[in-house]
Structures are given as C-alpha cells and as structure tokens.
Amino acid sequence: MHHLDWLLQPITLYSASALCLLVSLTLVVRSSLKAVPAAPEIASKPEDGEVRGLKVEMEQLRESVNRLEEAMPVRGTGVGMNVNKRAVALRMHRRGEPAATIATALETPSNEVALLIKLQTMIGQVETKAS
C-alpha cells in the first residue's frame, strides 16, 4: 500500500485541482467564443421578403401612433391639484379671492378650484350643523 501514498500528498491534490480548473476554464472560453460569431452571420444574410414586409408594417405602425399622439389633447403640466395647491387655494378663498384668480395663480383649471371651494363650503355647513 505504500506505493499509492503519493496520491494523498498535498501537492498531488493541488495539482489535480489546478488541472480541473484549467480544463473548466478552457471549456468555458471555447464555448463562449463559439457563440459570438453566430450574430454577425445572421446580420450578413440578405433580407428576404418577409423581413422587408415586417419593416414596412413597423413603419406603418409608427406613423399611426404618431397620428394618434398628435390627435390626443395635450394636458398642461399644471393640471390637477396636489395637497399643497389645495391648501393654498383654500387659504386664498378665505382671503376673499375669486375662483378664477386662484385658478390662474395656481395654474389649475378653474372648474377644479370651483369644485374644491364648493366641497369646502359643504363640509363647513355640515360641521356647523353638527356642532
């Protein structure tokens, strides 16, 4: 049994591990190199009728999307009221400013400001009746 003792030596184990690692790395590099050239081969093929048809269809879809975007109404950046704008609008209303002035100052639609004021008035009436 002494003639197989060299298998248990650390240098043998390290050498075998290094060899396995080297073989694994070689296989990984070769497989990745084989996969890379496949893409240029596809790109170098001449276009067939089906591909040209798909390109035409894509262009038609782009044009129709552009027409739809142009037909859609554009909403301004100041559309809608967040919590801060609501608070400012109510403060301005308490000072006696009209809804049109508030809407202009806050860059919001006047109907939203009018609705906010109407709701606030209704809530105030409910609170006074409850008291």
N, C-alpha and C. Protein backbone atom coordinates (compact mmCIF):
# COMPACT_ATOMS: atom_id res chain seq x y z
N MET A 1 0.80 -1.19 0.00
CA MET A 1 0.00 0.00 0.00
C MET A 1 0.85 1.26 0.00
N HIS A 2 2.09 1.16 0.28
CA HIS A 2 2.95 2.33 0.35
C HIS A 2 3.21 2.93 -1.04
N HIS A 3 3.02 2.16 -2.06
CA HIS A 3 3.30 2.69 -3.38
C HIS A 3 2.19 3.66 -3.87
N LEU A 4 1.02 3.73 -3.18
CA LEU A 4 -0.04 4.68 -3.52
C LEU A 4 -0.09 5.87 -2.56
N ASP A 5 0.85 6.00 -1.68
CA ASP A 5 0.87 7.11 -0.73
C ASP A 5 1.04 8.46 -1.43
N TRP A 6 1.60 8.49 -2.60
CA TRP A 6 1.80 9.76 -3.31
C TRP A 6 0.46 10.42 -3.67
N LEU A 7 -0.63 9.58 -3.72
CA LEU A 7 -1.96 10.14 -4.02
C LEU A 7 -2.47 11.02 -2.88
N LEU A 8 -2.04 10.76 -1.68
CA LEU A 8 -2.51 11.52 -0.53
C LEU A 8 -1.65 12.74 -0.23
N GLN A 9 -0.60 12.95 -0.96
CA GLN A 9 0.27 14.11 -0.74
C GLN A 9 -0.46 15.40 -1.17
N PRO A 10 -0.28 16.48 -0.46
CA PRO A 10 -0.95 17.74 -0.79
C PRO A 10 -0.60 18.25 -2.19
N ILE A 11 0.61 18.07 -2.62
CA ILE A 11 1.00 18.56 -3.94
C ILE A 11 0.21 17.85 -5.04
N THR A 12 -0.11 16.59 -4.84
CA THR A 12 -0.89 15.84 -5.82
C THR A 12 -2.32 16.37 -5.87
N LEU A 13 -2.90 16.60 -4.70
CA LEU A 13 -4.27 17.12 -4.64
C LEU A 13 -4.35 18.52 -5.27
N TYR A 14 -3.39 19.37 -4.96
CA TYR A 14 -3.38 20.73 -5.53
C TYR A 14 -3.18 20.69 -7.04
N SER A 15 -2.32 19.80 -7.50
CA SER A 15 -2.08 19.69 -8.94
C SER A 15 -3.33 19.21 -9.66
N ALA A 16 -4.02 18.24 -9.09
CA ALA A 16 -5.25 17.72 -9.70
C ALA A 16 -6.32 18.81 -9.72
N SER A 17 -6.43 19.57 -8.65
CA SER A 17 -7.41 20.67 -8.59
C SER A 17 -7.08 21.73 -9.63
N ALA A 18 -5.83 22.08 -9.76
CA ALA A 18 -5.43 23.09 -10.75
C ALA A 18 -5.71 22.61 -12.17
N LEU A 19 -5.47 21.34 -12.42
CA LEU A 19 -5.74 20.78 -13.74
C LEU A 19 -7.23 20.81 -14.07
N CYS A 20 -8.07 20.46 -13.09
CA CYS A 20 -9.52 20.51 -13.30
C CYS A 20 -9.99 21.94 -13.56
N LEU A 21 -9.44 22.88 -12.82
CA LEU A 21 -9.80 24.28 -13.00
C LEU A 21 -9.38 24.77 -14.38
N LEU A 22 -8.21 24.40 -14.83
CA LEU A 22 -7.71 24.80 -16.14
C LEU A 22 -8.58 24.22 -17.26
N VAL A 23 -8.98 22.97 -17.14
CA VAL A 23 -9.83 22.34 -18.14
C VAL A 23 -11.20 23.03 -18.16
N SER A 24 -11.75 23.33 -17.00
CA SER A 24 -13.06 24.00 -16.92
C SER A 24 -13.01 25.37 -17.58
N LEU A 25 -11.97 26.14 -17.27
CA LEU A 25 -11.84 27.47 -17.87
C LEU A 25 -11.69 27.40 -19.38
N THR A 26 -10.94 26.42 -19.85
CA THR A 26 -10.76 26.24 -21.29
C THR A 26 -12.09 25.95 -21.97
N LEU A 27 -12.89 25.09 -21.36
CA LEU A 27 -14.19 24.75 -21.94
C LEU A 27 -15.13 25.96 -21.95
N VAL A 28 -15.11 26.75 -20.89
CA VAL A 28 -15.97 27.93 -20.83
C VAL A 28 -15.56 28.94 -21.89
N VAL A 29 -14.26 29.18 -22.03
CA VAL A 29 -13.79 30.15 -23.01
C VAL A 29 -14.12 29.69 -24.43
N ARG A 30 -13.92 28.44 -24.72
CA ARG A 30 -14.21 27.92 -26.06
C ARG A 30 -15.69 28.00 -26.39
N SER A 31 -16.54 27.67 -25.42
CA SER A 31 -17.98 27.71 -25.69
C SER A 31 -18.46 29.15 -25.87
N SER A 32 -17.88 30.10 -25.15
CA SER A 32 -18.29 31.50 -25.33
C SER A 32 -17.76 32.06 -26.65
N LEU A 33 -16.60 31.63 -27.09
CA LEU A 33 -16.07 32.10 -28.37
C LEU A 33 -16.86 31.55 -29.54
N LYS A 34 -17.38 30.36 -29.42
CA LYS A 34 -18.17 29.78 -30.49
C LYS A 34 -19.51 30.47 -30.62
N ALA A 35 -20.06 31.00 -29.53
CA ALA A 35 -21.38 31.64 -29.55
C ALA A 35 -21.32 33.04 -30.14
N VAL A 36 -20.21 33.72 -30.05
CA VAL A 36 -20.11 35.11 -30.50
C VAL A 36 -20.24 35.26 -32.01
N PRO A 37 -19.61 34.48 -32.86
CA PRO A 37 -19.69 34.71 -34.30
C PRO A 37 -21.07 34.45 -34.90
N ALA A 38 -21.98 33.82 -34.18
CA ALA A 38 -23.28 33.49 -34.75
C ALA A 38 -24.08 34.74 -35.10
N ALA A 39 -24.00 35.80 -34.31
CA ALA A 39 -24.79 37.01 -34.55
C ALA A 39 -24.38 37.72 -35.85
N PRO A 40 -23.09 37.92 -36.13
CA PRO A 40 -22.74 38.58 -37.38
C PRO A 40 -23.15 37.79 -38.62
N GLU A 41 -23.18 36.49 -38.54
CA GLU A 41 -23.59 35.68 -39.69
C GLU A 41 -25.04 35.97 -40.04
N ILE A 42 -25.89 36.10 -39.03
CA ILE A 42 -27.30 36.38 -39.27
C ILE A 42 -27.45 37.76 -39.88
N ALA A 43 -26.68 38.73 -39.37
CA ALA A 43 -26.79 40.10 -39.87
C ALA A 43 -26.28 40.23 -41.30
N SER A 44 -25.37 39.37 -41.70
CA SER A 44 -24.80 39.49 -43.04
C SER A 44 -25.67 38.84 -44.12
N LYS A 45 -26.71 38.08 -43.73
CA LYS A 45 -27.58 37.44 -44.71
C LYS A 45 -28.42 38.50 -45.42
N PRO A 46 -28.69 38.31 -46.68
CA PRO A 46 -29.54 39.28 -47.38
C PRO A 46 -30.98 39.21 -46.86
N GLU A 47 -31.68 40.35 -46.92
CA GLU A 47 -33.04 40.41 -46.42
C GLU A 47 -33.97 39.65 -47.36
N ASP A 48 -34.90 38.93 -46.79
CA ASP A 48 -35.89 38.27 -47.61
C ASP A 48 -37.19 39.07 -47.56
N GLY A 49 -38.17 38.66 -48.30
CA GLY A 49 -39.43 39.39 -48.42
C GLY A 49 -40.17 39.54 -47.11
N GLU A 50 -40.10 38.52 -46.28
CA GLU A 50 -40.81 38.57 -45.01
C GLU A 50 -40.26 39.66 -44.10
N VAL A 51 -38.94 39.78 -44.05
CA VAL A 51 -38.31 40.80 -43.22
C VAL A 51 -38.66 42.19 -43.75
N ARG A 52 -38.62 42.36 -45.05
CA ARG A 52 -38.99 43.67 -45.63
C ARG A 52 -40.44 44.00 -45.32
N GLY A 53 -41.31 43.01 -45.40
CA GLY A 53 -42.73 43.21 -45.08
C GLY A 53 -42.92 43.64 -43.64
N LEU A 54 -42.16 43.03 -42.74
CA LEU A 54 -42.24 43.40 -41.32
C LEU A 54 -41.75 44.82 -41.09
N LYS A 55 -40.70 45.22 -41.82
CA LYS A 55 -40.20 46.58 -41.67
C LYS A 55 -41.24 47.60 -42.14
N VAL A 56 -41.91 47.29 -43.24
CA VAL A 56 -42.95 48.20 -43.76
C VAL A 56 -44.09 48.29 -42.75
N GLU A 57 -44.48 47.15 -42.20
CA GLU A 57 -45.56 47.14 -41.22
C GLU A 57 -45.18 47.94 -39.96
N MET A 58 -43.93 47.81 -39.51
CA MET A 58 -43.46 48.57 -38.35
C MET A 58 -43.52 50.07 -38.63
N GLU A 59 -43.14 50.47 -39.83
CA GLU A 59 -43.17 51.89 -40.19
C GLU A 59 -44.60 52.40 -40.21
N GLN A 60 -45.52 51.59 -40.72
CA GLN A 60 -46.93 52.00 -40.72
C GLN A 60 -47.46 52.14 -39.30
N LEU A 61 -47.06 51.24 -38.42
CA LEU A 61 -47.48 51.33 -37.02
C LEU A 61 -46.93 52.59 -36.36
N ARG A 62 -45.67 52.92 -36.65
CA ARG A 62 -45.08 54.14 -36.11
C ARG A 62 -45.86 55.37 -36.56
N GLU A 63 -46.20 55.40 -37.84
CA GLU A 63 -46.95 56.54 -38.37
C GLU A 63 -48.32 56.66 -37.72
N SER A 64 -48.99 55.53 -37.51
CA SER A 64 -50.32 55.59 -36.90
C SER A 64 -50.23 56.02 -35.43
N VAL A 65 -49.19 55.58 -34.73
CA VAL A 65 -49.00 56.03 -33.35
C VAL A 65 -48.72 57.52 -33.31
N ASN A 66 -47.91 58.02 -34.23
CA ASN A 66 -47.64 59.46 -34.28
C ASN A 66 -48.91 60.25 -34.55
N ARG A 67 -49.75 59.76 -35.46
CA ARG A 67 -51.02 60.45 -35.75
C ARG A 67 -51.91 60.46 -34.52
N LEU A 68 -51.97 59.33 -33.80
CA LEU A 68 -52.79 59.27 -32.59
C LEU A 68 -52.28 60.22 -31.51
N GLU A 69 -50.95 60.29 -31.36
CA GLU A 69 -50.38 61.20 -30.36
C GLU A 69 -50.68 62.65 -30.71
N GLU A 70 -50.66 62.98 -32.00
CA GLU A 70 -50.96 64.35 -32.40
C GLU A 70 -52.43 64.68 -32.17
N ALA A 71 -53.31 63.69 -32.32
CA ALA A 71 -54.75 63.92 -32.16
C ALA A 71 -55.16 64.00 -30.70
N MET A 72 -54.37 63.43 -29.80
CA MET A 72 -54.72 63.44 -28.37
C MET A 72 -54.58 64.84 -27.81
N PRO A 73 -55.50 65.23 -26.92
CA PRO A 73 -55.38 66.56 -26.31
C PRO A 73 -54.17 66.60 -25.38
N VAL A 74 -53.49 67.71 -25.41
CA VAL A 74 -52.32 67.87 -24.57
C VAL A 74 -52.75 68.48 -23.26
N ARG A 75 -52.37 67.84 -22.19
CA ARG A 75 -52.69 68.38 -20.87
C ARG A 75 -51.47 69.12 -20.36
N GLY A 76 -51.70 70.25 -19.78
CA GLY A 76 -50.61 71.07 -19.27
C GLY A 76 -49.95 70.44 -18.06
N THR A 77 -48.80 70.97 -17.71
CA THR A 77 -48.09 70.43 -16.57
C THR A 77 -48.75 70.80 -15.25
N GLY A 78 -49.56 71.87 -15.27
CA GLY A 78 -50.20 72.31 -14.04
C GLY A 78 -51.57 71.70 -13.82
N VAL A 79 -51.90 70.64 -14.55
CA VAL A 79 -53.22 70.04 -14.42
C VAL A 79 -53.29 69.24 -13.14
N GLY A 80 -54.40 69.41 -12.42
CA GLY A 80 -54.59 68.66 -11.19
C GLY A 80 -54.08 69.43 -9.99
N MET A 81 -54.61 69.06 -8.84
CA MET A 81 -54.23 69.76 -7.62
C MET A 81 -53.69 68.77 -6.61
N ASN A 82 -52.51 69.04 -6.13
CA ASN A 82 -51.99 68.22 -5.06
C ASN A 82 -52.39 68.84 -3.72
N VAL A 83 -51.95 68.26 -2.64
CA VAL A 83 -52.35 68.71 -1.31
C VAL A 83 -51.89 70.14 -1.05
N ASN A 84 -50.70 70.48 -1.48
CA ASN A 84 -50.19 71.83 -1.24
C ASN A 84 -51.01 72.87 -2.00
N LYS A 85 -51.35 72.57 -3.25
CA LYS A 85 -52.14 73.50 -4.04
C LYS A 85 -53.54 73.66 -3.44
N ARG A 86 -54.10 72.58 -2.92
CA ARG A 86 -55.41 72.67 -2.29
C ARG A 86 -55.37 73.61 -1.09
N ALA A 87 -54.34 73.43 -0.28
CA ALA A 87 -54.23 74.28 0.91
C ALA A 87 -54.08 75.75 0.52
N VAL A 88 -53.27 76.03 -0.48
CA VAL A 88 -53.08 77.41 -0.93
C VAL A 88 -54.38 77.96 -1.49
N ALA A 89 -55.10 77.13 -2.28
CA ALA A 89 -56.36 77.58 -2.87
C ALA A 89 -57.38 77.92 -1.78
N LEU A 90 -57.46 77.08 -0.77
CA LEU A 90 -58.42 77.35 0.31
C LEU A 90 -58.02 78.60 1.11
N ARG A 91 -56.75 78.79 1.31
CA ARG A 91 -56.27 79.99 2.01
C ARG A 91 -56.63 81.25 1.21
N MET A 92 -56.41 81.19 -0.10
CA MET A 92 -56.74 82.34 -0.96
C MET A 92 -58.25 82.59 -0.95
N HIS A 93 -59.05 81.51 -0.93
CA HIS A 93 -60.51 81.66 -0.90
C HIS A 93 -60.96 82.32 0.41
N ARG A 94 -60.36 81.93 1.53
CA ARG A 94 -60.70 82.54 2.82
C ARG A 94 -60.36 84.02 2.84
N ARG A 95 -59.33 84.43 2.08
CA ARG A 95 -58.98 85.85 1.99
C ARG A 95 -59.93 86.61 1.08
N GLY A 96 -60.82 85.87 0.38
CA GLY A 96 -61.82 86.53 -0.45
C GLY A 96 -61.49 86.60 -1.93
N GLU A 97 -60.49 85.88 -2.37
CA GLU A 97 -60.11 85.94 -3.79
C GLU A 97 -61.08 85.08 -4.60
N PRO A 98 -61.44 85.52 -5.81
CA PRO A 98 -62.36 84.74 -6.65
C PRO A 98 -61.69 83.48 -7.21
N ALA A 99 -62.52 82.50 -7.61
CA ALA A 99 -62.02 81.21 -8.10
C ALA A 99 -61.17 81.38 -9.35
N ALA A 100 -61.51 82.30 -10.23
CA ALA A 100 -60.74 82.49 -11.46
C ALA A 100 -59.32 82.97 -11.14
N THR A 101 -59.19 83.86 -10.17
CA THR A 101 -57.87 84.36 -9.78
C THR A 101 -57.03 83.24 -9.16
N ILE A 102 -57.68 82.44 -8.33
CA ILE A 102 -56.98 81.31 -7.68
C ILE A 102 -56.50 80.32 -8.74
N ALA A 103 -57.37 80.01 -9.70
CA ALA A 103 -57.01 79.06 -10.75
C ALA A 103 -55.84 79.56 -11.58
N THR A 104 -55.84 80.85 -11.88
CA THR A 104 -54.74 81.43 -12.66
C THR A 104 -53.44 81.38 -11.87
N ALA A 105 -53.52 81.74 -10.60
CA ALA A 105 -52.31 81.77 -9.77
C ALA A 105 -51.71 80.39 -9.58
N LEU A 106 -52.55 79.38 -9.45
CA LEU A 106 -52.06 78.02 -9.19
C LEU A 106 -51.90 77.18 -10.47
N GLU A 107 -52.23 77.78 -11.62
CA GLU A 107 -52.13 77.09 -12.91
C GLU A 107 -52.92 75.79 -12.91
N THR A 108 -54.16 75.87 -12.42
CA THR A 108 -55.06 74.72 -12.42
C THR A 108 -56.36 75.13 -13.09
N PRO A 109 -57.12 74.17 -13.60
CA PRO A 109 -58.39 74.51 -14.23
C PRO A 109 -59.34 75.17 -13.24
N SER A 110 -60.09 76.15 -13.71
CA SER A 110 -60.99 76.89 -12.81
C SER A 110 -62.11 76.00 -12.29
N ASN A 111 -62.53 74.99 -13.07
CA ASN A 111 -63.58 74.10 -12.58
C ASN A 111 -63.12 73.28 -11.38
N GLU A 112 -61.83 72.93 -11.32
CA GLU A 112 -61.31 72.21 -10.17
C GLU A 112 -61.30 73.09 -8.93
N VAL A 113 -60.92 74.35 -9.12
CA VAL A 113 -60.91 75.28 -7.99
C VAL A 113 -62.33 75.52 -7.50
N ALA A 114 -63.27 75.68 -8.44
CA ALA A 114 -64.67 75.89 -8.05
C ALA A 114 -65.21 74.68 -7.29
N LEU A 115 -64.87 73.49 -7.76
CA LEU A 115 -65.31 72.27 -7.07
C LEU A 115 -64.71 72.20 -5.67
N LEU A 116 -63.45 72.52 -5.54
CA LEU A 116 -62.80 72.49 -4.23
C LEU A 116 -63.49 73.47 -3.26
N ILE A 117 -63.78 74.65 -3.76
CA ILE A 117 -64.44 75.65 -2.91
C ILE A 117 -65.84 75.18 -2.53
N LYS A 118 -66.56 74.60 -3.48
CA LYS A 118 -67.90 74.12 -3.21
C LYS A 118 -67.87 73.00 -2.16
N LEU A 119 -66.95 72.07 -2.31
CA LEU A 119 -66.82 70.98 -1.32
C LEU A 119 -66.47 71.52 0.05
N GLN A 120 -65.57 72.48 0.09
CA GLN A 120 -65.16 73.05 1.38
C GLN A 120 -66.35 73.76 2.04
N THR A 121 -67.16 74.44 1.23
CA THR A 121 -68.35 75.11 1.76
C THR A 121 -69.34 74.09 2.31
N MET A 122 -69.55 72.99 1.59
CA MET A 122 -70.47 71.95 2.06
C MET A 122 -69.97 71.31 3.34
N ILE A 123 -68.68 71.07 3.42
CA ILE A 123 -68.11 70.47 4.64
C ILE A 123 -68.26 71.43 5.80
N GLY A 124 -68.05 72.72 5.55
CA GLY A 124 -68.22 73.72 6.61
C GLY A 124 -69.64 73.79 7.10
N GLN A 125 -70.62 73.66 6.20
CA GLN A 125 -72.03 73.69 6.60
C GLN A 125 -72.38 72.47 7.44
N VAL A 126 -71.84 71.30 7.06
CA VAL A 126 -72.10 70.07 7.82
C VAL A 126 -71.50 70.18 9.21
N GLU A 127 -70.30 70.74 9.31
CA GLU A 127 -69.64 70.86 10.62
C GLU A 127 -70.39 71.83 11.53
N THR A 128 -70.94 72.91 10.97
CA THR A 128 -71.69 73.86 11.82
C THR A 128 -73.00 73.27 12.28
N LYS A 129 -73.65 72.44 11.45
CA LYS A 129 -74.89 71.78 11.88
C LYS A 129 -74.62 70.74 12.94
N ALA A 130 -73.46 70.07 12.85
CA ALA A 130 -73.12 69.03 13.82
C ALA A 130 -72.77 69.64 15.17
N SER A 131 -72.32 70.87 15.22
CA SER A 131 -71.90 71.49 16.49
C SER A 131 -73.01 71.91 17.32
